[in-house]
Amino acid sequence: MRPLIMALALLAAGPAVAGNGEPVAAPAAGVKLAQDDGKPVASDPQLRIEQAFSKAPGTSIEQKIGQMVLIGFNGDTVDNKAFKRTRAQLEKGEITGVIYLKRNIRNAASVKAMNAELQIAAGDLPPLISIDQEGGRIERLTSAVGFPETPSAARMAASVDPRGALEAYGRMAANLKAWGFNLNFGPVVDLNVNASNPIIGKLGRSYSADPAKVADYASAFVNGHRQHRVLTALKHFPGHGSSTRDSHKGAVDVTASWTPQELEPFRSLIRGKDADLVMSGHVHNGQLQAKGDKAPMSLSPALARSLRGDLKFNGVIITDDMQMDAVHGAYSLANAVLRAVKAGNDIMIFANDKHADPDIPGKVALILKEAAAKDPAVRRAIDASYARIVRMKNWLLTTNSIAASARVNPDTQALRDLSASTRAVLSAELMQANRRDVRLALPGGVLF
């Protein structure tokens, strides 16, 4: 976190605390969960907590795969049939969470009611309840339903300094939290290097063509949200700003227009621990991808090579919508899913908008379960993704009294209410840590 933004965030929000009163760190992505081949780093004491979930006997491969699937749904009330189906999928562990689109927004009361139902359905791990609320033209929640609007990235950077942006984004996040959201798909860290770009420049979604300025305002976005326990996702890796086409509508190739400086905001924010998630973009980049690799970066081995290897990001990577035509129009579901997982993505979004399929969770589970049975590398990738997702979700759990207290005090009723397998492993690890008087960081950086 940049010193200015960190100081402002602390002044604005005060120190967050865990259930035992200890300070809560931002969701750190610096703990190495696995080697590059997906095998765990067993010597890292942090893994004893993270693997309490990923190695627990009661955690099936289907449950792990479910944590890798985030879906869109139809319906705008708790009584809607499509919403009830989605709630059931969450309750069964078939999905990690949902993404809201305009179609889901009837009014404040209905959104809050649906989100409350989703929280209840999710069980031990909180659901990701996500939305695209960047500001400007990219807002699902608007003043028409009583949600305060925020300027676009371009207008924000032109009108206020990072201090003012932090305050504005803190207000946005407070409202998102009040409506029941815990993940906002922003900030856009693409550089504004092509004003005619139909999906970035023309829509005012970029802060600037200057990488340092983009990083400063993106840091304000991230930390304004962290004040209120709302996760964010840097997008669209490795840079969509120079493109001349829209990946929603088909293949996009930035090989000739992209420059290495488009990585700099990502690099700076990751180095400064201002990255909760990173969203992989559906853009082909021949400068980063191997010769003959024609896939979008989101489905390419170059994703992990660049983001994990070069930029040292160890947090959750989430795809842009897998049903956008850059992917859906070129790959079968099985091919796209396997490529996404092998590329290093931890969560896949299926917004169920243009190419809706309510059976996606079951189809993805079958594809990955069969692949994992044949290919140990796929199984290792699923295990590694699950561990990263659990770590991230534990940061959210500090706002859930039952789950948070369970992870602080192994003797609480809350811990006894967890599943037996999770309870046994967590209790042993936490008590062992207490005996050693060791301060371990839970997934997401929560200290106890």
Protein backbone atom coordinates (compact mmCIF):
# COMPACT_ATOMS: atom_id res chain seq x y z
CA MET A 1 0.00 0.00 0.00
CA ARG A 2 1.35 3.42 -0.85
CA PRO A 3 2.30 5.43 2.29
CA LEU A 4 -0.10 8.31 1.56
CA ILE A 5 -3.04 6.03 0.83
CA MET A 6 -2.22 3.83 3.84
CA ALA A 7 -2.12 6.83 6.18
CA LEU A 8 -5.35 8.25 4.79
CA ALA A 9 -7.07 4.88 5.00
CA LEU A 10 -6.09 4.45 8.64
CA LEU A 11 -7.26 7.96 9.47
CA ALA A 12 -10.55 7.43 7.68
CA ALA A 13 -11.41 4.00 8.98
CA GLY A 14 -9.39 3.38 12.11
CA PRO A 15 -7.77 -0.01 12.65
CA ALA A 16 -9.87 -3.01 11.74
CA VAL A 17 -9.77 -5.72 14.38
CA ALA A 18 -10.28 -9.44 14.49
CA GLY A 19 -12.51 -11.13 17.03
CA ASN A 20 -9.82 -10.99 19.73
CA GLY A 21 -9.09 -7.31 19.22
CA GLU A 22 -5.87 -7.83 17.29
CA PRO A 23 -5.28 -5.62 14.23
CA VAL A 24 -6.37 -7.07 10.92
CA ALA A 25 -4.01 -6.77 8.00
CA ALA A 26 -5.11 -6.11 4.44
CA PRO A 27 -5.68 -9.29 2.40
CA ALA A 28 -2.06 -10.15 1.73
CA ALA A 29 -1.12 -11.89 -1.49
CA GLY A 30 2.49 -12.35 -0.46
CA VAL A 31 2.26 -15.76 1.20
CA LYS A 32 3.48 -18.37 -1.25
CA LEU A 33 0.93 -21.16 -1.36
CA ALA A 34 2.56 -23.37 -3.94
CA GLN A 35 5.56 -23.89 -6.11
CA ASP A 36 5.20 -23.05 -9.79
CA ASP A 37 4.22 -26.67 -10.46
CA GLY A 38 1.33 -26.38 -8.04
CA LYS A 39 2.92 -28.45 -5.23
CA PRO A 40 2.49 -26.91 -1.77
CA VAL A 41 5.34 -25.29 0.11
CA ALA A 42 4.99 -27.54 3.12
CA SER A 43 7.60 -25.74 5.20
CA ASP A 44 5.52 -22.55 5.35
CA PRO A 45 3.62 -22.51 8.69
CA GLN A 46 0.89 -20.41 7.07
CA LEU A 47 -0.12 -23.46 5.04
CA ARG A 48 -1.15 -25.37 8.16
CA ILE A 49 -4.13 -23.06 8.45
CA GLU A 50 -4.83 -22.75 4.74
CA GLN A 51 -4.65 -26.50 4.23
CA ALA A 52 -7.07 -27.05 7.10
CA PHE A 53 -9.68 -26.46 4.44
CA SER A 54 -7.97 -27.78 1.32
CA LYS A 55 -6.84 -31.05 2.95
CA ALA A 56 -9.78 -31.67 5.27
CA PRO A 57 -11.29 -35.14 4.69
CA GLY A 58 -14.75 -33.65 4.19
CA THR A 59 -13.65 -31.38 1.36
CA SER A 60 -14.51 -33.15 -1.89
CA ILE A 61 -13.09 -32.28 -5.27
CA GLU A 62 -16.59 -31.18 -6.27
CA GLN A 63 -16.61 -28.67 -3.41
CA LYS A 64 -13.20 -27.36 -4.43
CA ILE A 65 -14.31 -26.97 -8.03
CA GLY A 66 -17.46 -25.21 -6.84
CA GLN A 67 -15.30 -22.54 -5.24
CA MET A 68 -13.84 -21.86 -8.68
CA VAL A 69 -17.16 -21.02 -10.38
CA LEU A 70 -18.90 -17.64 -10.10
CA ILE A 71 -22.16 -17.18 -11.99
CA GLY A 72 -24.70 -14.61 -13.05
CA PHE A 73 -28.39 -15.32 -12.60
CA ASN A 74 -31.81 -14.10 -13.67
CA GLY A 75 -34.27 -12.73 -11.18
CA ASP A 76 -34.55 -9.67 -8.99
CA THR A 77 -36.42 -10.97 -5.92
CA VAL A 78 -35.98 -13.79 -3.42
CA ASP A 79 -39.17 -15.40 -4.74
CA ASN A 80 -37.90 -15.66 -8.31
CA LYS A 81 -37.42 -19.23 -9.51
CA ALA A 82 -34.02 -18.53 -11.04
CA PHE A 83 -32.78 -16.91 -7.84
CA LYS A 84 -33.97 -19.87 -5.79
CA ARG A 85 -32.02 -22.18 -8.09
CA THR A 86 -28.90 -20.07 -7.67
CA ARG A 87 -29.35 -20.04 -3.90
CA ALA A 88 -29.62 -23.84 -3.95
CA GLN A 89 -26.43 -24.10 -6.03
CA LEU A 90 -24.63 -21.99 -3.46
CA GLU A 91 -26.02 -24.04 -0.59
CA LYS A 92 -24.78 -27.25 -2.24
CA GLY A 93 -21.32 -25.78 -2.77
CA GLU A 94 -21.61 -25.83 -6.55
CA ILE A 95 -20.61 -22.16 -6.91
CA THR A 96 -18.38 -19.70 -5.06
CA GLY A 97 -20.74 -16.78 -5.53
CA VAL A 98 -22.63 -14.57 -7.95
CA ILE A 99 -22.27 -11.50 -10.11
CA TYR A 100 -25.08 -8.96 -10.32
CA LEU A 101 -26.06 -7.33 -13.60
CA LYS A 102 -28.65 -4.63 -14.28
CA ARG A 103 -31.35 -7.28 -14.67
CA ASN A 104 -30.98 -8.19 -10.98
CA ILE A 105 -31.53 -4.68 -9.63
CA ARG A 106 -35.17 -3.93 -8.82
CA ASN A 107 -34.70 -1.78 -5.71
CA ALA A 108 -32.60 -1.57 -2.58
CA ALA A 109 -34.86 -3.79 -0.51
CA SER A 110 -34.89 -6.64 -3.02
CA VAL A 111 -31.11 -6.58 -3.52
CA LYS A 112 -30.44 -6.57 0.21
CA ALA A 113 -32.92 -9.40 0.73
CA MET A 114 -31.34 -11.55 -1.98
CA ASN A 115 -27.86 -10.92 -0.64
CA ALA A 116 -28.95 -11.84 2.88
CA GLU A 117 -30.35 -15.11 1.54
CA LEU A 118 -27.09 -15.84 -0.28
CA GLN A 119 -25.04 -15.21 2.86
CA ILE A 120 -27.19 -17.64 4.82
CA ALA A 121 -27.02 -20.30 2.11
CA ALA A 122 -23.25 -20.31 1.76
CA GLY A 123 -22.27 -22.16 4.94
CA ASP A 124 -18.76 -22.06 6.42
CA LEU A 125 -17.16 -19.94 3.71
CA PRO A 126 -18.77 -16.64 2.71
CA PRO A 127 -20.06 -16.31 -0.84
CA LEU A 128 -18.53 -13.82 -3.22
CA ILE A 129 -21.36 -11.38 -3.94
CA SER A 130 -19.93 -9.32 -6.74
CA ILE A 131 -20.76 -6.45 -9.05
CA ASP A 132 -19.18 -4.14 -11.63
CA GLN A 133 -19.41 -0.75 -9.93
CA GLU A 134 -16.51 1.21 -11.38
CA GLY A 135 -18.19 4.60 -11.56
CA GLY A 136 -19.35 6.61 -14.54
CA ARG A 137 -20.98 4.56 -17.27
CA ILE A 138 -20.02 1.23 -15.70
CA GLU A 139 -22.41 1.11 -12.75
CA ARG A 140 -25.06 -1.53 -12.13
CA LEU A 141 -26.37 0.38 -9.11
CA THR A 142 -27.53 3.89 -9.92
CA SER A 143 -29.44 6.79 -8.45
CA ALA A 144 -32.59 5.36 -10.04
CA VAL A 145 -32.60 2.73 -7.28
CA GLY A 146 -31.27 5.02 -4.60
CA PHE A 147 -27.58 4.22 -4.89
CA PRO A 148 -25.20 7.23 -4.87
CA GLU A 149 -23.29 7.43 -8.14
CA THR A 150 -19.54 7.87 -8.49
CA PRO A 151 -17.62 9.60 -11.29
CA SER A 152 -15.82 7.59 -13.97
CA ALA A 153 -12.12 6.87 -13.56
CA ALA A 154 -11.23 9.53 -16.12
CA ARG A 155 -13.34 12.17 -14.40
CA MET A 156 -12.10 11.16 -10.96
CA ALA A 157 -8.46 11.60 -11.98
CA ALA A 158 -9.26 14.94 -13.63
CA SER A 159 -11.18 16.40 -10.71
CA VAL A 160 -9.65 15.22 -7.43
CA ASP A 161 -6.29 14.04 -6.09
CA PRO A 162 -5.79 10.49 -4.71
CA ARG A 163 -6.88 11.74 -1.27
CA GLY A 164 -10.23 12.80 -2.67
CA ALA A 165 -10.48 9.56 -4.65
CA LEU A 166 -9.91 7.52 -1.50
CA GLU A 167 -12.76 9.33 0.21
CA ALA A 168 -15.07 8.88 -2.78
CA TYR A 169 -14.28 5.19 -3.14
CA GLY A 170 -14.67 4.69 0.60
CA ARG A 171 -18.20 6.08 0.34
CA MET A 172 -18.90 3.80 -2.62
CA ALA A 173 -17.64 0.77 -0.71
CA ALA A 174 -19.63 1.64 2.40
CA ASN A 175 -22.78 1.66 0.30
CA LEU A 176 -21.86 -1.58 -1.46
CA LYS A 177 -21.30 -3.22 1.91
CA ALA A 178 -24.64 -1.92 3.19
CA TRP A 179 -26.36 -3.47 0.18
CA GLY A 180 -24.65 -6.82 0.85
CA PHE A 181 -21.79 -6.85 -1.67
CA ASN A 182 -18.26 -7.96 -0.82
CA LEU A 183 -16.48 -7.93 -4.20
CA ASN A 184 -16.33 -5.06 -6.69
CA PHE A 185 -14.77 -5.73 -10.08
CA GLY A 186 -12.51 -2.71 -10.25
CA PRO A 187 -10.33 -0.79 -10.50
CA VAL A 188 -9.54 -0.68 -14.19
CA VAL A 189 -5.75 -0.31 -14.41
CA ASP A 190 -5.59 -0.33 -18.20
CA LEU A 191 -3.69 2.65 -19.58
CA ASN A 192 -5.60 5.20 -21.63
CA VAL A 193 -3.25 4.90 -24.60
CA ASN A 194 -5.98 4.70 -27.22
CA ALA A 195 -8.72 7.27 -26.79
CA SER A 196 -10.74 5.49 -29.50
CA ASN A 197 -10.70 2.18 -27.65
CA PRO A 198 -14.40 1.18 -27.70
CA ILE A 199 -14.40 -0.58 -24.33
CA ILE A 200 -11.90 1.48 -22.28
CA GLY A 201 -10.96 4.91 -23.64
CA LYS A 202 -14.33 5.90 -25.08
CA LEU A 203 -16.09 4.96 -21.86
CA GLY A 204 -13.79 6.91 -19.55
CA ARG A 205 -12.77 3.77 -17.69
CA SER A 206 -9.05 4.55 -17.47
CA TYR A 207 -7.46 7.03 -15.07
CA SER A 208 -4.62 8.05 -17.36
CA ALA A 209 -1.97 7.03 -19.88
CA ASP A 210 0.61 7.50 -17.10
CA PRO A 211 1.27 4.20 -15.27
CA ALA A 212 2.19 5.91 -11.99
CA LYS A 213 -0.97 8.00 -11.97
CA VAL A 214 -3.10 4.95 -12.75
CA ALA A 215 -1.48 3.08 -9.87
CA ASP A 216 -2.07 5.95 -7.44
CA TYR A 217 -5.78 6.21 -8.19
CA ALA A 218 -6.21 2.44 -8.35
CA SER A 219 -4.61 2.21 -4.91
CA ALA A 220 -7.19 4.70 -3.65
CA PHE A 221 -9.95 2.51 -5.13
CA VAL A 222 -8.58 -0.65 -3.49
CA ASN A 223 -8.01 0.87 -0.07
CA GLY A 224 -11.28 2.77 -0.04
CA HIS A 225 -12.96 -0.61 -0.43
CA ARG A 226 -10.73 -2.35 2.12
CA GLN A 227 -11.90 0.11 4.77
CA HIS A 228 -15.29 -1.61 4.49
CA ARG A 229 -14.17 -5.20 3.87
CA VAL A 230 -15.01 -5.20 0.18
CA LEU A 231 -12.61 -7.02 -2.14
CA THR A 232 -11.49 -5.57 -5.47
CA ALA A 233 -9.97 -6.92 -8.69
CA LEU A 234 -7.35 -5.22 -10.84
CA LYS A 235 -8.33 -5.49 -14.49
CA HIS A 236 -7.76 -6.38 -17.33
CA PHE A 237 -4.40 -8.18 -17.18
CA PRO A 238 -2.04 -7.75 -19.02
CA GLY A 239 -3.63 -4.57 -20.41
CA HIS A 240 -6.64 -3.83 -22.61
CA GLY A 241 -6.07 -0.10 -23.04
CA SER A 242 -4.39 -0.18 -26.45
CA SER A 243 -6.98 -2.42 -28.11
CA THR A 244 -9.16 -1.34 -31.01
CA ARG A 245 -11.83 -4.00 -30.47
CA ASP A 246 -14.15 -5.16 -27.68
CA SER A 247 -13.56 -8.68 -26.31
CA HIS A 248 -17.28 -8.92 -25.50
CA LYS A 249 -17.86 -9.09 -29.25
CA GLY A 250 -14.97 -11.22 -30.50
CA ALA A 251 -11.25 -11.86 -30.60
CA VAL A 252 -8.93 -9.01 -29.62
CA ASP A 253 -5.24 -8.93 -30.52
CA VAL A 254 -3.04 -6.28 -28.88
CA THR A 255 0.29 -7.67 -30.08
CA ALA A 256 1.08 -4.68 -32.29
CA SER A 257 -0.27 -1.96 -29.98
CA TRP A 258 0.64 -3.16 -26.47
CA THR A 259 3.77 -1.91 -24.69
CA PRO A 260 5.48 -3.24 -21.54
CA GLN A 261 4.53 -0.09 -19.63
CA GLU A 262 0.98 -1.47 -19.51
CA LEU A 263 2.24 -3.97 -16.95
CA GLU A 264 3.55 -1.26 -14.65
CA PRO A 265 0.33 -0.45 -12.77
CA PHE A 266 -0.15 -4.15 -12.06
CA ARG A 267 3.48 -4.52 -10.99
CA SER A 268 3.37 -1.46 -8.74
CA LEU A 269 0.09 -2.41 -7.06
CA ILE A 270 1.14 -6.02 -6.51
CA ARG A 271 4.48 -4.93 -5.07
CA GLY A 272 2.67 -2.50 -2.78
CA LYS A 273 0.22 -5.23 -1.65
CA ASP A 274 -2.65 -3.32 -3.21
CA ALA A 275 -3.98 -6.30 -5.13
CA ASP A 276 -6.76 -8.51 -3.74
CA LEU A 277 -7.62 -10.26 -7.01
CA VAL A 278 -6.41 -9.79 -10.57
CA MET A 279 -8.76 -10.28 -13.51
CA SER A 280 -7.32 -11.89 -16.62
CA GLY A 281 -8.35 -10.25 -19.87
CA HIS A 282 -9.52 -11.99 -23.04
CA VAL A 283 -6.87 -10.33 -25.20
CA HIS A 284 -4.20 -12.06 -27.24
CA ASN A 285 -0.73 -10.66 -26.64
CA GLY A 286 1.97 -12.07 -28.88
CA GLN A 287 4.64 -10.10 -27.03
CA LEU A 288 4.04 -12.17 -23.90
CA GLN A 289 2.74 -15.42 -25.37
CA ALA A 290 4.79 -18.09 -27.08
CA LYS A 291 4.94 -18.31 -30.84
CA GLY A 292 2.01 -20.35 -32.08
CA ASP A 293 -0.07 -19.62 -28.96
CA LYS A 294 -3.14 -17.91 -30.42
CA ALA A 295 -5.31 -18.06 -27.31
CA PRO A 296 -6.36 -14.99 -25.35
CA MET A 297 -4.06 -14.33 -22.41
CA SER A 298 -6.77 -15.58 -20.04
CA LEU A 299 -6.43 -19.08 -21.53
CA SER A 300 -2.68 -19.06 -22.10
CA PRO A 301 0.23 -20.50 -20.07
CA ALA A 302 1.72 -17.02 -20.41
CA LEU A 303 -0.78 -15.82 -17.79
CA ALA A 304 0.89 -17.67 -14.92
CA ARG A 305 4.34 -17.15 -16.38
CA SER A 306 3.83 -13.38 -16.38
CA LEU A 307 1.56 -12.79 -13.40
CA ARG A 308 2.87 -15.46 -11.02
CA GLY A 309 6.44 -15.64 -12.29
CA ASP A 310 7.37 -12.11 -13.33
CA LEU A 311 5.05 -10.03 -11.14
CA LYS A 312 5.11 -12.47 -8.18
CA PHE A 313 1.37 -12.33 -7.59
CA ASN A 314 0.20 -15.14 -5.30
CA GLY A 315 -3.40 -14.07 -4.82
CA VAL A 316 -6.57 -15.09 -6.64
CA ILE A 317 -6.73 -14.74 -10.42
CA ILE A 318 -10.24 -14.50 -11.82
CA THR A 319 -11.22 -14.57 -15.48
CA ASP A 320 -13.30 -11.99 -17.24
CA ASP A 321 -16.66 -13.43 -18.28
CA MET A 322 -16.01 -16.77 -19.97
CA GLN A 323 -19.15 -16.30 -22.09
CA MET A 324 -17.81 -13.23 -23.85
CA ASP A 325 -17.43 -13.91 -27.57
CA ALA A 326 -13.63 -13.72 -27.45
CA VAL A 327 -13.85 -17.08 -25.64
CA HIS A 328 -17.34 -18.44 -26.27
CA GLY A 329 -17.07 -17.85 -30.00
CA ALA A 330 -13.77 -19.70 -30.34
CA TYR A 331 -13.71 -22.53 -27.78
CA SER A 332 -15.99 -25.27 -26.55
CA LEU A 333 -16.91 -25.10 -22.88
CA ALA A 334 -14.62 -28.01 -22.01
CA ASN A 335 -11.70 -26.59 -23.95
CA ALA A 336 -12.15 -23.12 -22.44
CA VAL A 337 -12.48 -24.39 -18.86
CA LEU A 338 -9.42 -26.63 -19.07
CA ARG A 339 -7.36 -23.91 -20.70
CA ALA A 340 -8.44 -21.40 -18.05
CA VAL A 341 -7.44 -23.66 -15.17
CA LYS A 342 -4.16 -24.70 -16.75
CA ALA A 343 -3.39 -21.04 -17.48
CA GLY A 344 -3.52 -20.33 -13.74
CA ASN A 345 -6.97 -18.85 -13.17
CA ASP A 346 -8.50 -19.66 -9.79
CA ILE A 347 -12.08 -18.53 -10.44
CA MET A 348 -14.04 -18.43 -13.69
CA ILE A 349 -16.93 -16.02 -14.25
CA PHE A 350 -19.98 -17.18 -16.21
CA ALA A 351 -22.27 -14.14 -16.23
CA ASN A 352 -25.11 -16.03 -17.98
CA ASP A 353 -26.00 -12.99 -19.97
CA LYS A 354 -25.55 -13.31 -23.74
CA HIS A 355 -25.01 -17.09 -23.70
CA ALA A 356 -26.91 -18.10 -20.58
CA ASP A 357 -26.70 -21.67 -19.31
CA PRO A 358 -28.09 -22.34 -15.81
CA ASP A 359 -26.41 -25.77 -15.82
CA ILE A 360 -22.89 -24.32 -16.06
CA PRO A 361 -21.81 -25.27 -12.50
CA GLY A 362 -22.56 -28.95 -13.03
CA LYS A 363 -20.93 -28.99 -16.44
CA VAL A 364 -17.76 -27.34 -15.16
CA ALA A 365 -17.61 -29.75 -12.23
CA LEU A 366 -17.85 -32.75 -14.56
CA ILE A 367 -15.19 -31.37 -16.92
CA LEU A 368 -12.69 -30.68 -14.17
CA LYS A 369 -13.40 -33.79 -12.13
CA GLU A 370 -12.77 -36.02 -15.14
CA ALA A 371 -9.66 -34.06 -16.10
CA ALA A 372 -8.28 -34.22 -12.55
CA ALA A 373 -8.71 -38.00 -12.48
CA LYS A 374 -6.52 -38.29 -15.57
CA ASP A 375 -4.03 -35.47 -15.07
CA PRO A 376 -2.33 -34.86 -11.69
CA ALA A 377 -1.39 -31.36 -12.82
CA VAL A 378 -5.07 -30.43 -13.08
CA ARG A 379 -5.73 -31.85 -9.60
CA ARG A 380 -2.82 -29.85 -8.19
CA ALA A 381 -4.13 -26.71 -9.88
CA ILE A 382 -7.57 -27.24 -8.31
CA ASP A 383 -6.04 -27.77 -4.86
CA ALA A 384 -3.86 -24.66 -5.20
CA SER A 385 -6.79 -22.55 -6.38
CA TYR A 386 -8.94 -23.74 -3.52
CA ALA A 387 -6.28 -22.81 -0.99
CA ARG A 388 -5.92 -19.33 -2.45
CA ILE A 389 -9.70 -18.81 -2.48
CA VAL A 390 -10.01 -19.95 1.14
CA ARG A 391 -7.26 -17.57 2.17
CA MET A 392 -9.03 -14.69 0.44
CA LYS A 393 -12.43 -15.57 1.88
CA ASN A 394 -11.03 -15.76 5.39
CA TRP A 395 -10.40 -12.03 5.17
CA LEU A 396 -14.12 -11.61 4.63
CA LEU A 397 -14.84 -13.96 7.52
CA THR A 398 -13.60 -11.41 10.05
CA THR A 399 -16.94 -9.66 9.57
CA ASN A 400 -18.84 -12.86 10.27
CA SER A 401 -19.05 -13.35 14.03
CA ILE A 402 -19.46 -17.11 13.92
CA ALA A 403 -16.66 -17.86 11.49
CA ALA A 404 -14.33 -15.16 12.82
CA SER A 405 -14.62 -16.27 16.42
CA ALA A 406 -14.08 -19.87 15.39
CA ARG A 407 -10.74 -18.94 13.91
CA VAL A 408 -9.64 -17.05 17.01
CA ASN A 409 -10.80 -19.33 19.82
CA PRO A 410 -10.93 -23.10 19.21
CA ASP A 411 -13.14 -23.60 22.27
CA THR A 412 -16.09 -21.51 21.11
CA GLN A 413 -19.53 -22.80 20.23
CA ALA A 414 -18.92 -21.32 16.80
CA LEU A 415 -16.11 -23.77 16.15
CA ARG A 416 -18.30 -26.65 17.28
CA ASP A 417 -20.90 -25.52 14.74
CA LEU A 418 -18.51 -26.00 11.81
CA SER A 419 -18.34 -29.28 9.94
CA ALA A 420 -16.57 -32.01 11.88
CA SER A 421 -13.64 -32.33 9.50
CA THR A 422 -13.01 -28.58 9.35
CA ARG A 423 -13.42 -28.32 13.13
CA ALA A 424 -10.90 -31.05 13.85
CA VAL A 425 -8.15 -29.66 11.68
CA LEU A 426 -8.66 -26.03 12.66
CA SER A 427 -8.83 -26.84 16.36
CA ALA A 428 -5.61 -28.85 16.27
CA GLU A 429 -3.73 -26.21 14.33
CA LEU A 430 -4.96 -23.30 16.40
CA MET A 431 -4.21 -25.00 19.70
CA GLN A 432 -0.77 -26.01 18.45
CA ALA A 433 -0.12 -22.41 17.52
CA ASN A 434 -1.24 -21.29 20.97
CA ARG A 435 1.11 -23.75 22.65
CA ARG A 436 4.01 -22.42 20.61
CA ASP A 437 2.86 -18.84 21.29
CA VAL A 438 3.09 -18.23 17.56
CA ARG A 439 1.19 -15.41 15.86
CA LEU A 440 0.04 -16.95 12.62
CA ALA A 441 -1.68 -15.04 9.86
CA LEU A 442 -4.90 -16.58 8.71
CA PRO A 443 -5.64 -16.61 4.98
CA GLY A 444 -6.16 -13.01 3.99
CA GLY A 445 -3.66 -11.72 6.53
CA VAL A 446 -5.88 -11.88 9.64
CA LEU A 447 -3.61 -12.10 12.66
CA PHE A 448 -4.44 -13.80 15.93
